[in-house]
């Protein structure tokens, strides 16, 4: 789900666009599952994904970017300047109980 890179943490996600609300939906196949309210048209879901992940991690939107999978449900995000261990601590508070 998370790994360190020279530029910051790499976060692997699976996005479900067009959801009723934004929420962390758990983990699946080594990825964080995120439900995003925006529809997958004209980049709206990607913009909302970046905004939502920035809010979850406490980063500015400019520090979150999609580095792989922009047109797919499975994406890799770069959390610039944030170590994976710190990102893991912030994100785990939003994971549902298993």
N, C-alpha and C. Protein backbone atom coordinates (compact mmCIF):
# COMPACT_ATOMS: atom_id res chain seq x y z
N UNK A 1 0.82 -1.19 0.00
CA UNK A 1 0.00 0.00 0.00
C UNK A 1 0.87 1.26 0.00
N UNK A 2 1.90 1.29 0.84
CA UNK A 2 2.80 2.46 0.93
C UNK A 2 4.24 2.02 0.85
N UNK A 3 5.04 2.80 0.16
CA UNK A 3 6.48 2.56 0.15
C UNK A 3 7.20 3.89 -0.01
N UNK A 4 8.42 3.92 0.47
CA UNK A 4 9.23 5.14 0.38
C UNK A 4 9.87 5.27 -1.00
N UNK A 5 10.02 6.50 -1.44
CA UNK A 5 10.79 6.80 -2.65
C UNK A 5 11.64 8.03 -2.31
N UNK A 6 12.50 8.41 -3.21
CA UNK A 6 13.36 9.57 -2.97
C UNK A 6 12.56 10.86 -2.81
N UNK A 7 11.41 10.93 -3.45
CA UNK A 7 10.60 12.16 -3.42
C UNK A 7 9.54 12.16 -2.32
N UNK A 8 9.26 11.01 -1.72
CA UNK A 8 8.21 10.92 -0.70
C UNK A 8 7.57 9.55 -0.73
N UNK A 9 6.42 9.43 -0.09
CA UNK A 9 5.72 8.15 -0.03
C UNK A 9 4.95 7.90 -1.32
N UNK A 10 4.98 6.65 -1.77
CA UNK A 10 4.15 6.21 -2.89
C UNK A 10 2.98 5.43 -2.31
N UNK A 11 1.78 5.89 -2.61
CA UNK A 11 0.56 5.29 -2.09
C UNK A 11 -0.20 4.63 -3.24
N UNK A 12 -0.42 3.31 -3.12
CA UNK A 12 -1.18 2.59 -4.14
C UNK A 12 -2.65 2.55 -3.71
N UNK A 13 -3.54 3.00 -4.60
CA UNK A 13 -4.97 3.07 -4.29
C UNK A 13 -5.80 2.41 -5.38
N UNK A 14 -6.99 1.99 -5.00
CA UNK A 14 -8.03 1.57 -5.94
C UNK A 14 -9.19 2.51 -5.71
N UNK A 15 -9.60 3.22 -6.75
CA UNK A 15 -10.60 4.27 -6.64
C UNK A 15 -11.95 3.78 -7.17
N UNK A 16 -13.00 4.08 -6.42
CA UNK A 16 -14.37 3.82 -6.86
C UNK A 16 -15.03 5.19 -7.03
N UNK A 17 -15.09 5.70 -8.28
CA UNK A 17 -15.68 7.02 -8.50
C UNK A 17 -17.21 6.95 -8.50
N UNK A 18 -17.84 8.10 -8.36
CA UNK A 18 -19.30 8.19 -8.40
C UNK A 18 -19.97 7.65 -7.14
N UNK A 19 -19.25 7.62 -6.03
CA UNK A 19 -19.81 7.11 -4.77
C UNK A 19 -20.72 8.17 -4.14
N UNK A 20 -21.48 7.74 -3.15
CA UNK A 20 -22.36 8.67 -2.45
C UNK A 20 -21.62 9.72 -1.66
N UNK A 21 -20.43 9.36 -1.18
CA UNK A 21 -19.59 10.31 -0.43
C UNK A 21 -18.15 9.83 -0.49
N UNK A 22 -17.24 10.72 -0.19
CA UNK A 22 -15.82 10.35 -0.12
C UNK A 22 -15.60 9.55 1.15
N UNK A 23 -14.91 8.41 1.02
CA UNK A 23 -14.57 7.65 2.22
C UNK A 23 -13.48 6.63 1.95
N UNK A 24 -12.77 6.29 3.01
CA UNK A 24 -11.80 5.20 2.97
C UNK A 24 -12.60 3.93 3.15
N UNK A 25 -12.49 3.00 2.19
CA UNK A 25 -13.33 1.79 2.21
C UNK A 25 -12.55 0.55 2.60
N UNK A 26 -11.33 0.68 3.05
CA UNK A 26 -10.54 -0.47 3.48
C UNK A 26 -9.36 -0.72 2.58
N UNK A 27 -8.91 -1.99 2.60
CA UNK A 27 -7.77 -2.40 1.79
C UNK A 27 -8.19 -3.56 0.90
N UNK A 28 -7.58 -3.66 -0.26
CA UNK A 28 -7.83 -4.78 -1.17
C UNK A 28 -6.61 -4.96 -2.06
N UNK A 29 -6.11 -6.18 -2.11
CA UNK A 29 -4.98 -6.53 -2.99
C UNK A 29 -3.80 -5.57 -2.86
N UNK A 30 -3.45 -5.23 -1.63
CA UNK A 30 -2.30 -4.37 -1.40
C UNK A 30 -2.51 -2.91 -1.73
N UNK A 31 -3.75 -2.50 -1.88
CA UNK A 31 -4.08 -1.10 -2.20
C UNK A 31 -5.10 -0.57 -1.20
N UNK A 32 -5.05 0.73 -0.99
CA UNK A 32 -6.05 1.41 -0.18
C UNK A 32 -7.26 1.66 -1.06
N UNK A 33 -8.44 1.22 -0.63
CA UNK A 33 -9.67 1.45 -1.41
C UNK A 33 -10.29 2.76 -0.98
N UNK A 34 -10.53 3.63 -1.96
CA UNK A 34 -11.13 4.94 -1.69
C UNK A 34 -12.38 5.11 -2.54
N UNK A 35 -13.45 5.52 -1.92
CA UNK A 35 -14.66 5.89 -2.66
C UNK A 35 -14.63 7.40 -2.83
N UNK A 36 -14.83 7.83 -4.07
CA UNK A 36 -14.77 9.24 -4.41
C UNK A 36 -16.11 9.66 -5.00
N UNK A 37 -16.64 10.75 -4.51
CA UNK A 37 -17.97 11.21 -4.91
C UNK A 37 -18.02 11.70 -6.36
N UNK A 38 -16.97 12.28 -6.86
CA UNK A 38 -16.97 12.85 -8.21
C UNK A 38 -17.06 11.76 -9.27
N UNK A 39 -17.70 12.07 -10.40
CA UNK A 39 -17.79 11.11 -11.50
C UNK A 39 -16.47 11.04 -12.27
N UNK A 40 -16.24 9.91 -12.97
CA UNK A 40 -14.98 9.75 -13.71
C UNK A 40 -15.01 10.39 -15.10
N UNK A 41 -15.35 11.65 -15.16
CA UNK A 41 -15.38 12.37 -16.44
C UNK A 41 -14.55 13.63 -16.35
N UNK A 42 -13.81 13.90 -17.42
CA UNK A 42 -13.02 15.13 -17.55
C UNK A 42 -12.07 15.37 -16.37
N UNK A 43 -11.56 14.30 -15.77
CA UNK A 43 -10.60 14.43 -14.67
C UNK A 43 -11.18 14.82 -13.33
N UNK A 44 -12.51 14.88 -13.22
CA UNK A 44 -13.13 15.31 -11.96
C UNK A 44 -12.79 14.36 -10.81
N UNK A 45 -12.86 13.06 -11.05
CA UNK A 45 -12.56 12.10 -9.99
C UNK A 45 -11.10 12.19 -9.57
N UNK A 46 -10.19 12.40 -10.51
CA UNK A 46 -8.77 12.53 -10.17
C UNK A 46 -8.52 13.78 -9.32
N UNK A 47 -9.15 14.89 -9.70
CA UNK A 47 -8.98 16.12 -8.90
C UNK A 47 -9.54 15.94 -7.49
N UNK A 48 -10.69 15.29 -7.38
CA UNK A 48 -11.29 15.06 -6.07
C UNK A 48 -10.45 14.07 -5.26
N UNK A 49 -9.88 13.07 -5.92
CA UNK A 49 -9.00 12.12 -5.24
C UNK A 49 -7.81 12.84 -4.62
N UNK A 50 -7.17 13.71 -5.38
CA UNK A 50 -6.03 14.47 -4.88
C UNK A 50 -6.44 15.35 -3.71
N UNK A 51 -7.57 16.03 -3.82
CA UNK A 51 -8.05 16.88 -2.74
C UNK A 51 -8.32 16.06 -1.48
N UNK A 52 -8.96 14.90 -1.65
CA UNK A 52 -9.33 14.06 -0.51
C UNK A 52 -8.09 13.47 0.17
N UNK A 53 -7.15 12.94 -0.61
CA UNK A 53 -5.93 12.37 -0.02
C UNK A 53 -5.12 13.46 0.68
N UNK A 54 -5.08 14.64 0.11
CA UNK A 54 -4.38 15.76 0.77
C UNK A 54 -5.03 16.06 2.12
N UNK A 55 -6.34 16.06 2.17
CA UNK A 55 -7.04 16.32 3.44
C UNK A 55 -6.77 15.21 4.45
N UNK A 56 -6.76 13.97 4.01
CA UNK A 56 -6.51 12.83 4.92
C UNK A 56 -5.11 12.87 5.51
N UNK A 57 -4.14 13.29 4.72
CA UNK A 57 -2.74 13.25 5.16
C UNK A 57 -2.24 14.57 5.72
N UNK A 58 -3.02 15.64 5.56
CA UNK A 58 -2.59 16.94 6.06
C UNK A 58 -1.60 17.64 5.13
N UNK A 59 -1.51 17.17 3.91
CA UNK A 59 -0.63 17.80 2.92
C UNK A 59 -1.39 18.84 2.10
N UNK A 60 -0.65 19.75 1.48
CA UNK A 60 -1.27 20.65 0.51
C UNK A 60 -1.57 19.86 -0.75
N UNK A 61 -2.59 20.28 -1.49
CA UNK A 61 -2.94 19.59 -2.74
C UNK A 61 -1.77 19.54 -3.71
N UNK A 62 -0.95 20.56 -3.70
CA UNK A 62 0.18 20.60 -4.63
C UNK A 62 1.24 19.54 -4.30
N UNK A 63 1.18 18.94 -3.12
CA UNK A 63 2.14 17.92 -2.70
C UNK A 63 1.66 16.51 -3.01
N UNK A 64 0.43 16.37 -3.53
CA UNK A 64 -0.13 15.07 -3.88
C UNK A 64 -0.30 15.03 -5.39
N UNK A 65 0.25 13.98 -6.03
CA UNK A 65 0.12 13.86 -7.48
C UNK A 65 -0.05 12.40 -7.87
N UNK A 66 -0.69 12.20 -9.02
CA UNK A 66 -0.86 10.87 -9.58
C UNK A 66 0.36 10.59 -10.45
N UNK A 67 1.12 9.55 -10.12
CA UNK A 67 2.32 9.24 -10.89
C UNK A 67 2.11 8.03 -11.80
N UNK A 68 1.02 7.29 -11.59
CA UNK A 68 0.74 6.14 -12.43
C UNK A 68 -0.75 5.84 -12.38
N UNK A 69 -1.34 5.51 -13.53
CA UNK A 69 -2.73 5.07 -13.58
C UNK A 69 -3.76 6.18 -13.65
N UNK A 70 -3.43 7.31 -14.22
CA UNK A 70 -4.34 8.45 -14.24
C UNK A 70 -5.70 8.12 -14.86
N UNK A 71 -5.72 7.25 -15.87
CA UNK A 71 -6.98 6.89 -16.53
C UNK A 71 -7.57 5.58 -16.06
N UNK A 72 -7.07 5.03 -14.94
CA UNK A 72 -7.51 3.73 -14.45
C UNK A 72 -7.99 3.83 -13.00
N UNK A 73 -8.65 2.79 -12.55
CA UNK A 73 -9.09 2.76 -11.15
C UNK A 73 -7.92 2.55 -10.19
N UNK A 74 -6.94 1.76 -10.61
CA UNK A 74 -5.77 1.52 -9.77
C UNK A 74 -4.71 2.56 -10.10
N UNK A 75 -4.31 3.30 -9.08
CA UNK A 75 -3.39 4.43 -9.27
C UNK A 75 -2.28 4.37 -8.23
N UNK A 76 -1.20 5.06 -8.53
CA UNK A 76 -0.14 5.28 -7.56
C UNK A 76 0.00 6.78 -7.39
N UNK A 77 -0.08 7.21 -6.14
CA UNK A 77 0.03 8.63 -5.80
C UNK A 77 1.37 8.89 -5.13
N UNK A 78 1.93 10.06 -5.39
CA UNK A 78 3.13 10.51 -4.69
C UNK A 78 2.72 11.52 -3.63
N UNK A 79 3.09 11.25 -2.39
CA UNK A 79 2.88 12.18 -1.29
C UNK A 79 4.24 12.84 -1.05
N UNK A 80 4.49 13.93 -1.75
CA UNK A 80 5.80 14.56 -1.79
C UNK A 80 6.25 15.04 -0.41
N UNK A 81 7.46 14.64 -0.04
CA UNK A 81 8.06 15.09 1.20
C UNK A 81 7.58 14.37 2.46
N UNK A 82 6.70 13.39 2.32
CA UNK A 82 6.18 12.67 3.48
C UNK A 82 6.71 11.23 3.47
N UNK A 83 7.38 10.81 4.54
CA UNK A 83 7.84 9.42 4.60
C UNK A 83 6.65 8.46 4.69
N UNK A 84 6.84 7.24 4.20
CA UNK A 84 5.77 6.25 4.20
C UNK A 84 5.27 5.95 5.61
N UNK A 85 6.17 5.91 6.60
CA UNK A 85 5.76 5.61 7.97
C UNK A 85 4.79 6.67 8.51
N UNK A 86 5.05 7.92 8.21
CA UNK A 86 4.16 9.00 8.66
C UNK A 86 2.81 8.93 7.94
N UNK A 87 2.85 8.66 6.64
CA UNK A 87 1.61 8.54 5.87
C UNK A 87 0.77 7.37 6.39
N UNK A 88 1.42 6.26 6.71
CA UNK A 88 0.72 5.08 7.23
C UNK A 88 0.00 5.43 8.53
N UNK A 89 0.66 6.14 9.43
CA UNK A 89 0.03 6.53 10.70
C UNK A 89 -1.19 7.40 10.47
N UNK A 90 -1.09 8.34 9.56
CA UNK A 90 -2.21 9.25 9.29
C UNK A 90 -3.38 8.52 8.65
N UNK A 91 -3.10 7.63 7.70
CA UNK A 91 -4.16 6.94 6.97
C UNK A 91 -4.84 5.85 7.78
N UNK A 92 -4.10 5.18 8.68
CA UNK A 92 -4.68 4.10 9.46
C UNK A 92 -5.81 4.56 10.38
N UNK A 93 -5.79 5.82 10.76
CA UNK A 93 -6.88 6.33 11.62
C UNK A 93 -8.20 6.37 10.87
N UNK A 94 -8.16 6.36 9.53
CA UNK A 94 -9.39 6.43 8.73
C UNK A 94 -9.87 5.06 8.24
N UNK A 95 -9.06 4.02 8.46
CA UNK A 95 -9.45 2.68 8.00
C UNK A 95 -10.57 2.12 8.87
N UNK A 96 -11.57 1.49 8.25
CA UNK A 96 -12.64 0.88 9.06
C UNK A 96 -12.12 -0.29 9.86
N UNK A 97 -12.79 -0.58 10.95
CA UNK A 97 -12.41 -1.73 11.79
C UNK A 97 -12.63 -3.02 11.01
N UNK A 98 -11.70 -3.96 11.17
CA UNK A 98 -11.83 -5.25 10.48
C UNK A 98 -12.11 -6.34 11.44
